[in-house]
C-alpha atoms as a PDB file:
ATOM      1  CA  MET A   1       2.694 -26.338  18.535  1.00  0.00           C
ATOM      2  CA  ILE A   2      -0.890 -25.544  17.817  1.00  0.00           C
ATOM      3  CA  ALA A   3      -3.204 -23.701  20.273  1.00  0.00           C
ATOM      4  CA  ILE A   4      -6.836 -24.061  19.685  1.00  0.00           C
ATOM      5  CA  SER A   5      -9.916 -22.520  21.243  1.00  0.00           C
ATOM      6  CA  PRO A   6     -13.288 -23.872  20.285  1.00  0.00           C
ATOM      7  CA  PRO A   7     -16.164 -21.543  19.575  1.00  0.00           C
ATOM      8  CA  SER A   8     -17.664 -19.785  22.702  1.00  0.00           C
ATOM      9  CA  ALA A   9     -20.726 -17.984  23.455  1.00  0.00           C
ATOM     10  CA  GLU A  10     -18.774 -14.871  24.738  1.00  0.00           C
ATOM     11  CA  ASP A  11     -16.902 -14.623  21.298  1.00  0.00           C
ATOM     12  CA  HIS A  12     -20.248 -15.064  19.278  1.00  0.00           C
ATOM     13  CA  LYS A  13     -19.200 -18.468  18.366  1.00  0.00           C
ATOM     14  CA  TRP A  14     -15.851 -17.673  16.975  1.00  0.00           C
ATOM     15  CA  GLY A  15     -13.239 -20.332  17.357  1.00  0.00           C
ATOM     16  CA  SER A  16      -9.516 -19.722  17.142  1.00  0.00           C
ATOM     17  CA  LEU A  17      -6.158 -21.421  16.546  1.00  0.00           C
ATOM     18  CA  SER A  18      -2.708 -20.194  16.380  1.00  0.00           C
ATOM     19  CA  PHE A  19       0.627 -21.684  15.326  1.00  0.00           C
ATOM     20  CA  ALA A  20       4.352 -20.876  14.678  1.00  0.00           C
ATOM     21  CA  SER A  21       4.997 -20.075  11.060  1.00  0.00           C
ATOM     22  CA  THR A  22       5.549 -23.272   9.255  1.00  0.00           C
ATOM     23  CA  LEU A  23       4.690 -24.736   5.858  1.00  0.00           C
ATOM     24  CA  TYR A  24       3.523 -27.997   7.514  1.00  0.00           C
ATOM     25  CA  LEU A  25      -0.175 -27.248   7.334  1.00  0.00           C
ATOM     26  CA  TYR A  26      -1.868 -30.646   7.085  1.00  0.00           C
ATOM     27  CA  PRO A  27      -3.046 -30.808  10.706  1.00  0.00           C
ATOM     28  CA  ILE A  28      -4.078 -27.210  10.679  1.00  0.00           C
ATOM     29  CA  LEU A  29      -6.099 -27.494   7.456  1.00  0.00           C
ATOM     30  CA  ASP A  30      -7.717 -30.631   8.929  1.00  0.00           C
ATOM     31  CA  LEU A  31      -8.860 -28.608  11.960  1.00  0.00           C
ATOM     32  CA  LEU A  32     -10.001 -25.740   9.946  1.00  0.00           C
ATOM     33  CA  LEU A  33     -12.117 -27.852   7.584  1.00  0.00           C
ATOM     34  CA  VAL A  34     -13.820 -30.211  10.034  1.00  0.00           C
ATOM     35  CA  ARG A  35     -17.272 -28.509   9.727  1.00  0.00           C
ATOM     36  CA  VAL A  36     -17.091 -27.833   6.043  1.00  0.00           C
ATOM     37  CA  PRO A  37     -19.370 -30.090   3.802  1.00  0.00           C
ATOM     38  CA  SER A  38     -17.247 -32.890   2.397  1.00  0.00           C
ATOM     39  CA  GLN A  39     -17.782 -32.011  -1.319  1.00  0.00           C
ATOM     40  CA  TRP A  40     -16.281 -28.554  -0.602  1.00  0.00           C
ATOM     41  CA  ARG A  41     -13.214 -29.610   1.416  1.00  0.00           C
ATOM     42  CA  PRO A  42     -10.725 -30.230  -1.450  1.00  0.00           C
ATOM     43  CA  GLU A  43     -11.404 -26.798  -2.838  1.00  0.00           C
ATOM     44  CA  LEU A  44     -11.368 -24.860   0.384  1.00  0.00           C
ATOM     45  CA  ARG A  45      -8.221 -26.895   1.427  1.00  0.00           C
ATOM     46  CA  LEU A  46      -6.423 -25.534  -1.547  1.00  0.00           C
ATOM     47  CA  GLY A  47      -7.586 -21.903  -0.878  1.00  0.00           C
ATOM     48  CA  LEU A  48      -6.936 -21.958   2.895  1.00  0.00           C
ATOM     49  CA  GLN A  49      -3.451 -23.616   2.118  1.00  0.00           C
ATOM     50  CA  GLU A  50      -2.671 -20.667  -0.218  1.00  0.00           C
ATOM     51  CA  ALA A  51      -3.690 -18.155   2.386  1.00  0.00           C
ATOM     52  CA  LEU A  52      -1.708 -19.866   5.223  1.00  0.00           C
ATOM     53  CA  VAL A  53       1.217 -20.282   2.998  1.00  0.00           C
ATOM     54  CA  ASN A  54       1.186 -16.664   2.078  1.00  0.00           C
ATOM     55  CA  ALA A  55       0.980 -15.580   5.886  1.00  0.00           C
ATOM     56  CA  ALA A  56       3.924 -17.926   6.862  1.00  0.00           C
ATOM     57  CA  LYS A  57       6.211 -17.252   3.902  1.00  0.00           C
ATOM     58  CA  HIS A  58       5.601 -13.625   2.794  1.00  0.00           C
ATOM     59  CA  GLY A  59       4.064 -12.345   6.032  1.00  0.00           C
ATOM     60  CA  ASN A  60       6.242 -13.874   8.712  1.00  0.00           C
ATOM     61  CA  ASN A  61       9.318 -14.757   6.444  1.00  0.00           C
ATOM     62  CA  LEU A  62       9.009 -18.277   7.821  1.00  0.00           C
ATOM     63  CA  ASP A  63      10.180 -16.945  11.236  1.00  0.00           C
ATOM     64  CA  PRO A  64       9.172 -19.710  13.672  1.00  0.00           C
ATOM     65  CA  THR A  65       9.147 -17.075  16.455  1.00  0.00           C
ATOM     66  CA  LYS A  66       6.266 -15.422  14.756  1.00  0.00           C
ATOM     67  CA  ASP A  67       2.718 -16.814  15.023  1.00  0.00           C
ATOM     68  CA  ILE A  68      -0.079 -17.133  12.522  1.00  0.00           C
ATOM     69  CA  SER A  69      -3.629 -16.895  14.008  1.00  0.00           C
ATOM     70  CA  VAL A  70      -6.898 -17.982  12.574  1.00  0.00           C
ATOM     71  CA  ARG A  71     -10.292 -17.171  13.719  1.00  0.00           C
ATOM     72  CA  PHE A  72     -13.272 -19.168  12.268  1.00  0.00           C
ATOM     73  CA  LEU A  73     -16.965 -19.094  12.332  1.00  0.00           C
ATOM     74  CA  VAL A  74     -19.801 -21.147  10.730  1.00  0.00           C
ATOM     75  CA  GLU A  75     -22.919 -18.921  10.603  1.00  0.00           C
ATOM     76  CA  GLU A  76     -25.920 -20.557   8.936  1.00  0.00           C
ATOM     77  CA  ASP A  77     -24.612 -21.028   5.321  1.00  0.00           C
ATOM     78  CA  ARG A  78     -21.650 -18.836   5.587  1.00  0.00           C
ATOM     79  CA  TYR A  79     -18.129 -19.999   6.656  1.00  0.00           C
ATOM     80  CA  TRP A  80     -15.539 -17.370   7.790  1.00  0.00           C
ATOM     81  CA  TRP A  81     -11.760 -17.585   8.259  1.00  0.00           C
ATOM     82  CA  ILE A  82      -9.696 -14.554   9.433  1.00  0.00           C
ATOM     83  CA  ILE A  83      -5.984 -15.219   9.050  1.00  0.00           C
ATOM     84  CA  SER A  84      -3.509 -12.872  10.661  1.00  0.00           C
ATOM     85  CA  ASP A  85       0.201 -12.840  10.522  1.00  0.00           C
ATOM     86  CA  GLN A  86       2.911 -10.679  12.412  1.00  0.00           C
ATOM     87  CA  GLY A  87       4.482  -9.255   9.203  1.00  0.00           C
ATOM     88  CA  GLY A  88       4.382  -5.678   7.846  1.00  0.00           C
ATOM     89  CA  GLY A  89       1.476  -6.475   5.415  1.00  0.00           C
ATOM     90  CA  PHE A  90       1.346  -5.702   1.804  1.00  0.00           C
ATOM     91  CA  ASP A  91      -0.377  -3.277  -0.759  1.00  0.00           C
ATOM     92  CA  TYR A  92      -3.652  -5.094  -1.413  1.00  0.00           C
ATOM     93  CA  THR A  93      -5.041  -2.001  -3.198  1.00  0.00           C
ATOM     94  CA  CYS A  94      -2.751  -2.724  -6.263  1.00  0.00           C
ATOM     95  CA  GLY A  95      -5.775  -4.401  -8.038  1.00  0.00           C
ATOM     96  CA  CYS A  96      -3.844  -7.581  -8.677  1.00  0.00           C
ATOM     97  CA  GLN A  97      -6.946  -9.738  -8.844  1.00  0.00           C
ATOM     98  CA  SER A  98      -8.365  -7.893 -11.726  1.00  0.00           C
ATOM     99  CA  LYS A  99      -5.314  -8.218 -13.788  1.00  0.00           C
ATOM    100  CA  CYS A 100      -5.170 -11.937 -13.536  1.00  0.00           C
ATOM    101  CA  ASP A 101      -7.420 -13.323 -16.338  1.00  0.00           C
ATOM    102  CA  PRO A 102      -5.920 -16.236 -18.150  1.00  0.00           C
ATOM    103  CA  ASP A 103      -9.044 -16.365 -20.300  1.00  0.00           C
ATOM    104  CA  ILE A 104      -7.764 -13.297 -22.055  1.00  0.00           C
ATOM    105  CA  GLY A 105      -4.165 -14.218 -22.069  1.00  0.00           C
ATOM    106  CA  GLN A 106      -3.025 -12.259 -19.067  1.00  0.00           C
ATOM    107  CA  ASP A 107      -0.206 -13.728 -17.048  1.00  0.00           C
ATOM    108  CA  ILE A 108      -1.157 -14.934 -13.596  1.00  0.00           C
ATOM    109  CA  GLU A 109       2.523 -14.497 -12.484  1.00  0.00           C
ATOM    110  CA  GLU A 110       2.060 -10.818 -12.846  1.00  0.00           C
ATOM    111  CA  CYS A 111       0.142 -10.603  -9.497  1.00  0.00           C
ATOM    112  CA  GLY A 112       0.471 -14.016  -7.797  1.00  0.00           C
ATOM    113  CA  ARG A 113      -1.069 -17.429  -8.336  1.00  0.00           C
ATOM    114  CA  GLY A 114      -2.220 -17.451  -4.611  1.00  0.00           C
ATOM    115  CA  LEU A 115      -4.286 -14.183  -5.012  1.00  0.00           C
ATOM    116  CA  TYR A 116      -5.922 -15.561  -8.121  1.00  0.00           C
ATOM    117  CA  ILE A 117      -6.845 -18.826  -6.418  1.00  0.00           C
ATOM    118  CA  LEU A 118      -8.417 -17.057  -3.461  1.00  0.00           C
ATOM    119  CA  HIS A 119     -10.637 -14.897  -5.540  1.00  0.00           C
ATOM    120  CA  GLN A 120     -11.791 -17.961  -7.568  1.00  0.00           C
ATOM    121  CA  ILE A 121     -12.617 -20.154  -4.503  1.00  0.00           C
ATOM    122  CA  PHE A 122     -14.020 -17.670  -1.947  1.00  0.00           C
ATOM    123  CA  ASP A 123     -16.975 -15.462  -2.334  1.00  0.00           C
ATOM    124  CA  GLU A 124     -15.432 -12.683  -0.067  1.00  0.00           C
ATOM    125  CA  VAL A 125     -11.689 -11.811  -0.016  1.00  0.00           C
ATOM    126  CA  ARG A 126     -10.615  -8.845   2.150  1.00  0.00           C
ATOM    127  CA  TRP A 127      -7.530  -7.460   3.799  1.00  0.00           C
ATOM    128  CA  THR A 128      -7.385  -5.288   6.871  1.00  0.00           C
ATOM    129  CA  ARG A 129      -4.597  -3.978   9.253  1.00  0.00           C
ATOM    130  CA  GLU A 130      -2.558  -2.769   6.266  1.00  0.00           C
ATOM    131  CA  GLY A 131      -2.465  -6.359   4.639  1.00  0.00           C
ATOM    132  CA  ALA A 132      -1.553  -8.364   7.532  1.00  0.00           C
ATOM    133  CA  GLU A 133      -4.929  -9.715   8.193  1.00  0.00           C
ATOM    134  CA  LEU A 134      -7.011 -11.660   5.468  1.00  0.00           C
ATOM    135  CA  GLN A 135     -10.718 -12.285   5.818  1.00  0.00           C
ATOM    136  CA  LEU A 136     -12.196 -15.232   3.740  1.00  0.00           C
ATOM    137  CA  CYS A 137     -15.839 -16.115   3.317  1.00  0.00           C
ATOM    138  CA  LYS A 138     -17.551 -19.002   1.619  1.00  0.00           C
ATOM    139  CA  GLN A 139     -21.290 -19.119   1.259  1.00  0.00           C
ATOM    140  CA  PHE A 140     -23.256 -22.406   0.566  1.00  0.00           C
ATOM    141  CA  ASN A 141     -26.841 -22.149  -0.508  1.00  0.00           C
ATOM    142  CA  CYS A 142     -29.024 -23.101  -3.371  1.00  0.00           C
ATOM    143  CA  LEU A 143     -27.422 -20.397  -5.684  1.00  0.00           C
ATOM    144  CA  SER A 144     -23.799 -21.467  -4.963  1.00  0.00           C
ATOM    145  CA  ARG A 145     -21.862 -22.975  -7.808  1.00  0.00           C
ATOM    146  CA  ALA A 146     -20.648 -26.530  -7.722  1.00  0.00           C
ATOM    147  CA  PRO A 147     -17.199 -27.120  -6.280  1.00  0.00           C
ATOM    148  CA  PHE A 148     -14.202 -26.921  -8.833  1.00  0.00           C
ATOM    149  CA  LEU A 149     -12.422 -29.821  -7.157  1.00  0.00           C
ATOM    150  CA  VAL A 150     -14.017 -33.078  -6.230  1.00  0.00           C
END
């Protein structure tokens, strides 16, 4: 079951949705990408899918009694997603993203393909609540690079 709340004036235009831990994310991703420009949807779908899979699989251990919640906001040329799980979090200060550089022959497996993908796709990637909440931001403006995926 998916529970969705559209953006409201009281919550500064943040919308939210929550769902039981699952890897069946197709309808959830569709809802989260509805306001994203079409040329960016494939790339952001990949990034959000990685983040949601990590929350369901690693955060909630695929426990269907635990929920994942996503808050989302479109603010001028910035798109925000805040993903929370009910797991114990992880050590996001390990510096994994700086170790993953295939251009210089370092192994992505060392820190996780998902973390590498997140840092390539989103302009801001931050964890809070001891690693159980992930904040993602993508900014679109005249200085933005072209999408990787089309």
